[in-house]
Protein backbone atom coordinates (compact mmCIF):
# COMPACT_ATOMS: atom_id res chain seq x y z
CA MET A 1 0.00 0.00 0.00
CA PRO A 2 1.55 3.37 -0.99
CA THR A 3 2.13 6.02 1.65
CA ALA A 4 0.89 9.57 1.25
CA GLY A 5 4.28 10.66 -0.05
CA GLN A 6 4.51 7.79 -2.55
CA SER A 7 1.03 8.31 -3.95
CA GLY A 8 1.74 11.98 -4.64
CA GLU A 9 -0.95 13.14 -2.24
CA VAL A 10 -0.21 16.07 0.06
CA PRO A 11 -0.47 15.09 3.74
CA ALA A 12 -3.66 16.33 5.43
CA ARG A 13 -1.72 18.55 7.85
CA SER A 14 -0.01 20.33 4.94
CA LYS A 15 -3.33 20.76 3.16
CA ARG A 16 -4.82 22.32 6.29
CA ALA A 17 -1.85 24.67 6.68
CA ASP A 18 -2.11 25.72 3.02
CA ALA A 19 -5.87 26.25 3.32
CA GLN A 20 -5.34 28.32 6.47
CA ARG A 21 -2.70 30.48 4.75
CA ASN A 22 -4.94 30.93 1.72
CA GLN A 23 -7.85 31.96 3.91
CA GLN A 24 -5.64 34.43 5.82
CA THR A 25 -4.51 35.93 2.49
CA LEU A 26 -8.11 36.25 1.38
CA LEU A 27 -9.15 37.88 4.69
CA ALA A 28 -6.24 40.32 4.56
CA ALA A 29 -7.24 41.30 1.01
CA ALA A 30 -10.89 41.72 2.03
CA ALA A 31 -9.88 43.83 5.05
CA ALA A 32 -7.79 46.13 2.85
CA VAL A 33 -10.65 46.54 0.38
CA PHE A 34 -13.17 47.15 3.16
CA VAL A 35 -10.97 49.89 4.63
CA THR A 36 -10.69 51.72 1.31
CA SER A 37 -14.06 50.90 -0.30
CA GLY A 38 -16.36 49.89 2.56
CA VAL A 39 -18.03 46.57 3.33
CA ASP A 40 -20.26 46.90 0.28
CA ALA A 41 -17.26 46.74 -2.07
CA PRO A 42 -17.77 44.37 -5.00
CA ILE A 43 -16.65 40.80 -4.30
CA ARG A 44 -14.72 40.85 -7.59
CA GLU A 45 -12.55 43.68 -6.18
CA ILE A 46 -11.68 41.51 -3.16
CA ALA A 47 -11.05 38.48 -5.39
CA ALA A 48 -8.72 40.50 -7.65
CA ARG A 49 -6.74 41.79 -4.68
CA ALA A 50 -6.46 38.28 -3.21
CA GLY A 51 -5.53 36.78 -6.59
CA VAL A 52 -8.41 34.29 -6.53
CA GLY A 53 -11.66 33.77 -8.39
CA VAL A 54 -14.97 35.10 -7.10
CA GLY A 55 -16.14 31.49 -6.67
CA THR A 56 -13.31 30.86 -4.19
CA ILE A 57 -14.61 33.63 -1.95
CA TYR A 58 -18.17 32.32 -2.09
CA ARG A 59 -16.94 28.80 -1.38
CA HIS A 60 -15.35 30.00 1.88
CA PHE A 61 -17.94 32.68 2.72
CA PRO A 62 -21.41 32.02 1.24
CA THR A 63 -22.79 35.44 2.27
CA ARG A 64 -21.32 38.92 2.55
CA ALA A 65 -22.11 38.88 6.28
CA ASP A 66 -20.03 35.68 6.65
CA LEU A 67 -17.11 37.41 4.96
CA VAL A 68 -17.45 40.60 7.00
CA VAL A 69 -17.61 38.66 10.29
CA ALA A 70 -14.52 36.66 9.30
CA VAL A 71 -12.66 39.88 8.41
CA TYR A 72 -13.77 41.38 11.73
CA ARG A 73 -12.33 38.42 13.66
CA HIS A 74 -9.17 38.47 11.52
CA GLN A 75 -8.62 42.16 12.28
CA VAL A 76 -9.27 41.72 16.00
CA GLU A 77 -6.61 39.01 16.10
CA ALA A 78 -4.20 41.10 14.03
CA CYS A 79 -4.64 44.05 16.44
CA ALA A 80 -4.27 41.80 19.47
CA GLU A 81 -1.06 40.24 18.15
CA ALA A 82 0.35 43.56 16.96
CA GLY A 83 0.44 45.23 20.37
CA PRO A 84 3.21 43.14 21.96
CA SER A 85 5.15 43.00 18.67
CA LEU A 86 5.06 46.78 18.31
CA LEU A 87 6.33 47.24 21.87
CA VAL A 88 9.40 45.23 20.87
CA SER A 89 9.98 46.74 17.42
CA ALA A 90 8.88 50.40 17.69
CA GLY A 91 11.31 53.08 18.78
CA SER A 92 9.37 53.82 21.98
CA PRO A 93 6.21 52.73 23.77
CA PHE A 94 4.41 55.84 22.52
CA ALA A 95 5.46 55.05 18.94
CA ALA A 96 4.09 51.52 19.48
CA LEU A 97 0.82 52.97 20.81
CA ARG A 98 0.54 55.30 17.82
CA GLN A 99 1.13 52.46 15.32
CA TRP A 100 -1.32 50.22 17.14
CA VAL A 101 -3.98 52.95 17.12
CA ASP A 102 -3.51 53.23 13.34
CA LEU A 103 -4.31 49.51 12.99
CA PHE A 104 -7.23 49.97 15.37
CA VAL A 105 -8.66 52.78 13.21
CA ASP A 106 -8.51 50.51 10.14
CA PHE A 107 -10.36 47.89 12.13
CA LEU A 108 -13.01 50.36 13.31
CA VAL A 109 -13.78 51.46 9.76
CA THR A 110 -14.64 47.83 8.98
CA LYS A 111 -16.48 47.37 12.29
CA HIS A 112 -18.90 50.19 11.57
CA GLY A 113 -19.82 48.54 8.29
CA LEU A 114 -20.30 45.26 10.11
CA ALA A 115 -23.29 46.61 11.99
CA ASN A 116 -25.08 47.23 8.70
CA ALA A 117 -24.11 43.82 7.33
CA MET A 118 -25.54 42.09 10.43
CA GLN A 119 -28.77 44.06 10.84
CA SER A 120 -30.86 40.93 11.40
CA ASP A 121 -28.51 39.33 13.94
CA SER A 122 -28.14 41.70 16.90
CA SER A 123 -27.15 38.88 19.30
CA GLY A 124 -24.36 37.84 16.91
CA PHE A 125 -23.13 41.40 16.73
CA GLU A 126 -23.18 41.71 20.53
CA ALA A 127 -21.15 38.51 20.88
CA LEU A 128 -18.56 39.87 18.45
CA HIS A 129 -18.43 43.18 20.32
CA THR A 130 -17.76 41.33 23.59
CA TYR A 131 -15.04 39.30 21.86
CA PHE A 132 -13.52 42.53 20.53
CA LEU A 133 -13.40 44.12 24.00
CA ASP A 134 -12.05 40.97 25.67
CA ARG A 135 -9.21 40.69 23.15
CA LEU A 136 -8.24 44.34 22.62
CA THR A 137 -8.75 46.10 25.96
CA PRO A 138 -5.83 44.25 27.63
CA VAL A 139 -3.58 45.02 24.63
CA CYS A 140 -4.43 48.71 24.79
CA ALA A 141 -3.80 48.64 28.55
CA GLN A 142 -0.36 47.09 28.00
CA LEU A 143 0.56 49.80 25.49
CA LEU A 144 -0.71 52.61 27.73
CA ASP A 145 1.10 51.20 30.80
CA ALA A 146 4.37 50.94 28.86
CA ALA A 147 4.07 54.55 27.66
CA VAL A 148 3.28 55.75 31.20
CA ASP A 149 6.23 53.77 32.63
CA ALA A 150 8.50 55.35 30.00
CA GLY A 151 7.31 58.82 31.04
CA GLU A 152 5.88 59.52 27.57
CA ILE A 153 2.22 59.98 28.49
CA ARG A 154 0.28 61.08 31.54
CA PRO A 155 -1.12 58.33 33.78
CA GLY A 156 -4.84 57.88 34.24
CA MET A 157 -6.10 57.08 30.74
CA HIS A 158 -8.28 53.98 30.85
CA PRO A 159 -7.96 51.69 27.81
CA TYR A 160 -11.71 51.34 27.34
CA GLU A 161 -12.13 55.14 27.34
CA LEU A 162 -9.36 55.60 24.78
CA MET A 163 -10.77 52.88 22.53
CA ARG A 164 -14.28 54.28 22.88
CA GLY A 165 -13.08 57.82 22.12
CA ILE A 166 -11.23 56.65 19.01
CA GLY A 167 -14.31 54.68 17.99
CA ASN A 168 -16.50 57.74 18.31
CA LEU A 169 -14.09 59.76 16.17
CA CYS A 170 -14.32 57.09 13.45
CA ILE A 171 -18.11 57.28 13.16
CA GLY A 172 -19.11 58.81 9.85
CA ARG A 173 -15.94 57.89 7.97
CA ASP A 174 -17.79 55.40 5.76
CA SER A 175 -20.54 57.87 4.81
CA ASP A 176 -18.42 60.98 4.22
CA PRO A 177 -15.23 60.66 2.17
CA ARG A 178 -14.23 64.22 3.16
CA TYR A 179 -13.87 63.14 6.79
CA ASP A 180 -10.57 61.62 7.89
CA PRO A 181 -10.76 60.52 11.53
CA ARG A 182 -6.99 59.98 11.67
CA ARG A 183 -6.38 63.73 11.98
CA LEU A 184 -8.53 63.95 15.10
CA VAL A 185 -7.18 60.68 16.49
CA GLU A 186 -3.67 62.16 16.16
CA LEU A 187 -4.80 65.21 18.17
CA LEU A 188 -6.22 62.89 20.82
CA LEU A 189 -2.91 61.01 21.05
CA ARG A 190 -0.97 64.27 21.30
CA GLY A 191 -3.20 65.20 24.22
CA LEU A 192 -1.97 62.13 26.10
CA ARG A 193 1.65 63.25 25.90
CA ARG A 194 3.39 64.33 29.05
CA PRO A 195 4.71 67.89 28.68
CA GLN A 196 8.46 67.90 28.30
CA SER A 197 10.23 69.43 31.26
CA ALA A 198 12.22 72.56 30.46
């Protein structure tokens, strides 16, 4: 009896790893398109960016809501994993916080569209919101604590309040292309800075 290698078949574990990588590529492409074009962007635009056929997307995600929820979860995980990595690689804790907030803003643009895509499933949306808070609040707290410990920002900012404030600044971005929340988010971050001693 031939083994998997002799028969030319790819071992199941390798197939799963390839499928997982392909799905991550597809989700990253969809996230990028959603940030620039909104969650109502044509599926063919996402397929072109991912380098796959439209049928591949529908095979993985039968409805637009399925795709948007998967992108939402993908972005939450990317933000959660980015926090500790940025603390290691950025020039300072405040630089790490600033870069993380930029990723968070991209995520929020998609999140606001998610509410529209899930209009009929409020309990599903609430579960995702809880997941989002559980995963990202501790990461934001870690970044804020590191910046406070480094003397770069004032103490006392609660992670939930910062995330909520940034979220409120992002409302309206998808309905008004003239509005760029990043400018106001940058002002908010500057307001956290500790004044430099003379």
